[in-house]
Amino acid sequence: KLTYFNLTGLGEPIRLMLAYGNIKYEDYRISKEEWATMKPGLEWPHLPMLEIEGKTLFQSMAICRYLARQLNLNGRSNWAETQIDMTVDALNDFRAKVVSYYYLPDGEEREKKKAVVLSELLPLYLDRFEKQVANNKGYLVVGKLTYADIIFLSFIEYISYMLDKAILEKHPKLKEHHQRLKSLPGIESWLKTRPPNPDDARTLFS
């Protein structure tokens, strides 16, 4: 059972990996009111939360690494695993910086931060990811499909949603990789049937 909000966000990499692995699960989408009641009683007051075989996992990236090992989406050596971790950390930094703009209230500060994201942040990260795909046989790292690619797919879509903009138009290798990932078995059908994001995700938390 995966518990998260009715949003892609940090829950979506997990949903995508479960879809890729054809793993059946309950996709429980919690309301902010129910979350406020549940939160104090949890071991860690964070979502997403994955319950599996009577045990509970917290922290989105830890859950992704757990699933990666189950699905052979991890590295084959300590060095490869560290290269994957570096890329995942960069992707998560990228997401977090866009989130810091998106969840601001409407106003001048929000518009200024969005302008910085578009003019500085996108090229800073996307240029580097473009080079990685060029140097790794069409994948982000270690020349094969890893959980870093699944997280890339999820976060690129989430960032595009927050910016209301297709962000890969100037990065053809990333765009091609993104399309290829969307066609993976399990993932393709999930993307066609998953619930849409709300028009404004800020309403989920305010």
Protein backbone atom coordinates (compact mmCIF):
# COMPACT_ATOMS: atom_id res chain seq x y z
CA LYS A 1 0.00 0.00 0.00
CA LEU A 2 1.41 3.36 -1.06
CA THR A 3 0.10 6.39 0.81
CA TYR A 4 0.62 9.83 -0.72
CA PHE A 5 -1.35 12.88 -1.77
CA ASN A 6 -3.45 13.14 -4.94
CA LEU A 7 -0.44 14.44 -6.82
CA THR A 8 2.56 13.12 -8.74
CA GLY A 9 5.30 14.81 -6.66
CA LEU A 10 7.48 12.51 -4.56
CA GLY A 11 5.04 9.63 -4.81
CA GLU A 12 5.20 9.27 -8.58
CA PRO A 13 8.69 7.74 -8.93
CA ILE A 14 7.45 4.95 -6.66
CA ARG A 15 4.22 4.52 -8.64
CA LEU A 16 6.22 4.36 -11.88
CA MET A 17 8.62 1.76 -10.51
CA LEU A 18 5.74 -0.36 -9.23
CA ALA A 19 4.10 -0.06 -12.66
CA TYR A 20 7.34 -1.03 -14.40
CA GLY A 21 7.67 -4.08 -12.15
CA ASN A 22 4.00 -5.00 -12.66
CA ILE A 23 3.60 -5.00 -8.87
CA LYS A 24 0.00 -4.79 -7.68
CA TYR A 25 -0.60 -2.34 -4.84
CA GLU A 26 -3.15 0.01 -3.31
CA ASP A 27 -2.58 3.59 -4.49
CA TYR A 28 -4.03 5.39 -1.47
CA ARG A 29 -4.38 9.15 -2.01
CA ILE A 30 -4.80 10.86 1.32
CA SER A 31 -6.57 14.18 1.96
CA LYS A 32 -4.89 16.95 3.93
CA GLU A 33 -7.49 16.50 6.68
CA GLU A 34 -6.80 12.79 7.04
CA TRP A 35 -3.06 13.42 6.88
CA ALA A 36 -3.29 15.88 9.78
CA THR A 37 -4.94 13.16 11.87
CA MET A 38 -2.57 10.36 10.82
CA LYS A 39 0.73 12.28 10.96
CA PRO A 40 1.30 12.43 14.76
CA GLY A 41 1.06 8.65 15.13
CA LEU A 42 3.63 7.71 12.50
CA GLU A 43 7.22 6.67 13.08
CA TRP A 44 8.28 9.42 10.66
CA PRO A 45 5.87 12.27 9.81
CA HIS A 46 6.55 12.15 6.07
CA LEU A 47 4.89 10.94 2.90
CA PRO A 48 5.14 8.91 0.73
CA MET A 49 4.82 5.81 2.89
CA LEU A 50 5.02 2.27 1.51
CA GLU A 51 3.63 -0.64 3.48
CA ILE A 52 4.90 -4.01 2.28
CA GLU A 53 4.80 -7.45 3.87
CA GLY A 54 3.79 -6.03 7.23
CA LYS A 55 6.60 -3.47 7.29
CA THR A 56 6.56 0.27 6.64
CA LEU A 57 9.05 2.30 4.63
CA PHE A 58 9.39 6.09 4.64
CA GLN A 59 11.49 8.57 2.61
CA SER A 60 10.83 8.58 -1.13
CA MET A 61 14.39 7.99 -2.32
CA ALA A 62 14.97 5.18 0.18
CA ILE A 63 11.81 3.51 -1.12
CA CYS A 64 13.03 3.96 -4.69
CA ARG A 65 16.37 2.37 -3.86
CA TYR A 66 14.59 -0.56 -2.20
CA LEU A 67 12.44 -1.11 -5.29
CA ALA A 68 15.46 -0.66 -7.58
CA ARG A 69 17.16 -3.60 -5.91
CA GLN A 70 14.01 -5.68 -6.30
CA LEU A 71 13.66 -4.78 -10.00
CA ASN A 72 17.35 -4.87 -11.03
CA LEU A 73 17.32 -1.12 -11.64
CA ASN A 74 20.33 -0.52 -9.42
CA GLY A 75 24.06 -0.54 -10.16
CA ARG A 76 26.19 -3.66 -10.52
CA SER A 77 29.09 -2.32 -8.48
CA ASN A 78 29.73 0.13 -5.68
CA TRP A 79 31.06 2.63 -8.24
CA ALA A 80 28.02 2.26 -10.52
CA GLU A 81 25.67 2.59 -7.56
CA THR A 82 27.40 5.79 -6.49
CA GLN A 83 27.14 7.23 -10.01
CA ILE A 84 23.42 6.53 -9.94
CA ASP A 85 23.09 8.11 -6.50
CA MET A 86 24.87 11.25 -7.73
CA THR A 87 22.42 11.62 -10.60
CA VAL A 88 19.40 10.97 -8.39
CA ASP A 89 20.64 13.57 -5.89
CA ALA A 90 21.01 16.10 -8.73
CA LEU A 91 17.50 15.32 -9.98
CA ASN A 92 16.11 15.74 -6.48
CA ASP A 93 17.94 19.06 -6.05
CA PHE A 94 16.47 20.22 -9.36
CA ARG A 95 12.95 19.26 -8.27
CA ALA A 96 13.33 20.87 -4.84
CA LYS A 97 14.47 24.19 -6.31
CA VAL A 98 11.47 24.35 -8.62
CA VAL A 99 9.18 23.37 -5.73
CA SER A 100 10.55 26.31 -3.70
CA TYR A 101 9.17 28.65 -6.38
CA TYR A 102 5.94 26.81 -7.14
CA TYR A 103 4.47 26.69 -3.65
CA LEU A 104 4.89 30.41 -2.99
CA PRO A 105 1.69 32.48 -2.92
CA ASP A 106 0.85 34.44 -6.05
CA GLY A 107 2.68 37.72 -6.29
CA GLU A 108 5.81 39.53 -7.41
CA GLU A 109 8.24 37.30 -5.50
CA ARG A 110 6.81 34.17 -7.11
CA GLU A 111 7.08 35.65 -10.60
CA LYS A 112 10.68 36.72 -10.00
CA LYS A 113 11.62 33.24 -8.80
CA LYS A 114 9.92 31.66 -11.79
CA ALA A 115 11.95 33.88 -14.12
CA VAL A 116 15.17 32.70 -12.45
CA VAL A 117 14.07 29.07 -12.75
CA LEU A 118 13.41 29.49 -16.47
CA SER A 119 16.51 31.52 -17.33
CA GLU A 120 19.12 29.94 -15.03
CA LEU A 121 17.97 26.74 -13.37
CA LEU A 122 16.67 24.87 -16.41
CA PRO A 123 19.85 25.22 -18.48
CA LEU A 124 22.05 24.55 -15.44
CA TYR A 125 20.53 21.10 -14.92
CA LEU A 126 19.21 20.14 -18.35
CA ASP A 127 22.48 20.87 -20.17
CA ARG A 128 24.29 18.49 -17.82
CA PHE A 129 21.67 15.77 -18.05
CA GLU A 130 21.79 16.10 -21.85
CA LYS A 131 25.54 15.38 -21.77
CA GLN A 132 25.01 12.42 -19.49
CA VAL A 133 22.54 10.82 -21.90
CA ALA A 134 24.93 11.46 -24.79
CA ASN A 135 27.75 9.75 -22.90
CA ASN A 136 25.80 6.76 -21.51
CA LYS A 137 24.29 5.01 -24.54
CA GLY A 138 21.04 6.94 -24.33
CA TYR A 139 20.57 6.52 -20.57
CA LEU A 140 21.36 8.91 -17.76
CA VAL A 141 24.09 6.83 -16.17
CA VAL A 142 26.06 3.53 -16.44
CA GLY A 143 24.77 2.82 -19.96
CA LYS A 144 21.59 1.01 -18.92
CA LEU A 145 18.13 1.58 -17.51
CA THR A 146 18.31 2.37 -13.79
CA TYR A 147 16.03 3.91 -11.22
CA ALA A 148 17.67 7.26 -12.01
CA ASP A 149 15.92 7.16 -15.40
CA ILE A 150 12.56 6.44 -13.76
CA ILE A 151 13.05 9.34 -11.36
CA PHE A 152 14.06 11.53 -14.31
CA LEU A 153 10.79 10.69 -16.08
CA SER A 154 8.76 11.48 -12.98
CA PHE A 155 10.51 14.70 -12.02
CA ILE A 156 10.66 16.10 -15.57
CA GLU A 157 6.89 15.70 -15.81
CA TYR A 158 6.36 17.20 -12.35
CA ILE A 159 8.62 20.17 -13.11
CA SER A 160 6.87 20.71 -16.46
CA TYR A 161 3.56 20.72 -14.58
CA MET A 162 4.80 23.26 -12.02
CA LEU A 163 6.14 25.55 -14.74
CA ASP A 164 3.22 24.91 -17.11
CA LYS A 165 5.81 24.46 -19.83
CA ALA A 166 7.39 21.71 -21.94
CA ILE A 167 10.98 21.97 -20.75
CA LEU A 168 12.89 19.56 -23.04
CA GLU A 169 12.44 21.31 -26.39
CA LYS A 170 16.06 22.55 -26.45
CA HIS A 171 17.48 19.20 -25.36
CA PRO A 172 16.80 16.63 -28.09
CA LYS A 173 18.57 13.71 -26.45
CA LEU A 174 16.65 14.21 -23.21
CA LYS A 175 13.41 14.57 -25.15
CA GLU A 176 14.06 11.31 -27.00
CA HIS A 177 14.96 9.56 -23.75
CA HIS A 178 11.81 10.91 -22.09
CA GLN A 179 9.64 9.53 -24.89
CA ARG A 180 11.37 6.15 -24.73
CA LEU A 181 10.82 5.91 -20.98
CA LYS A 182 7.13 6.70 -21.40
CA SER A 183 6.84 3.66 -23.69
CA LEU A 184 8.30 1.14 -21.24
CA PRO A 185 6.08 -1.85 -20.38
CA GLY A 186 3.84 -1.08 -17.42
CA ILE A 187 4.75 2.60 -17.41
CA GLU A 188 2.95 3.32 -20.67
CA SER A 189 -0.34 1.91 -19.40
CA TRP A 190 0.03 3.68 -16.03
CA LEU A 191 0.58 7.04 -17.70
CA LYS A 192 -2.62 6.55 -19.71
CA THR A 193 -4.79 5.72 -16.70
CA ARG A 194 -3.36 7.58 -13.70
CA PRO A 195 -5.40 10.36 -12.07
CA PRO A 196 -4.50 13.86 -13.30
CA ASN A 197 -2.75 16.40 -11.13
CA PRO A 198 -4.96 19.16 -9.69
CA ASP A 199 -5.01 22.46 -11.55
CA ASP A 200 -3.07 24.02 -8.66
CA ALA A 201 -1.29 21.65 -6.26
CA ARG A 202 -1.02 24.42 -3.68
CA THR A 203 -4.67 23.83 -2.83
CA LEU A 204 -3.77 20.38 -1.47
CA PHE A 205 -1.75 21.90 1.36
CA SER A 206 -3.45 25.22 2.12
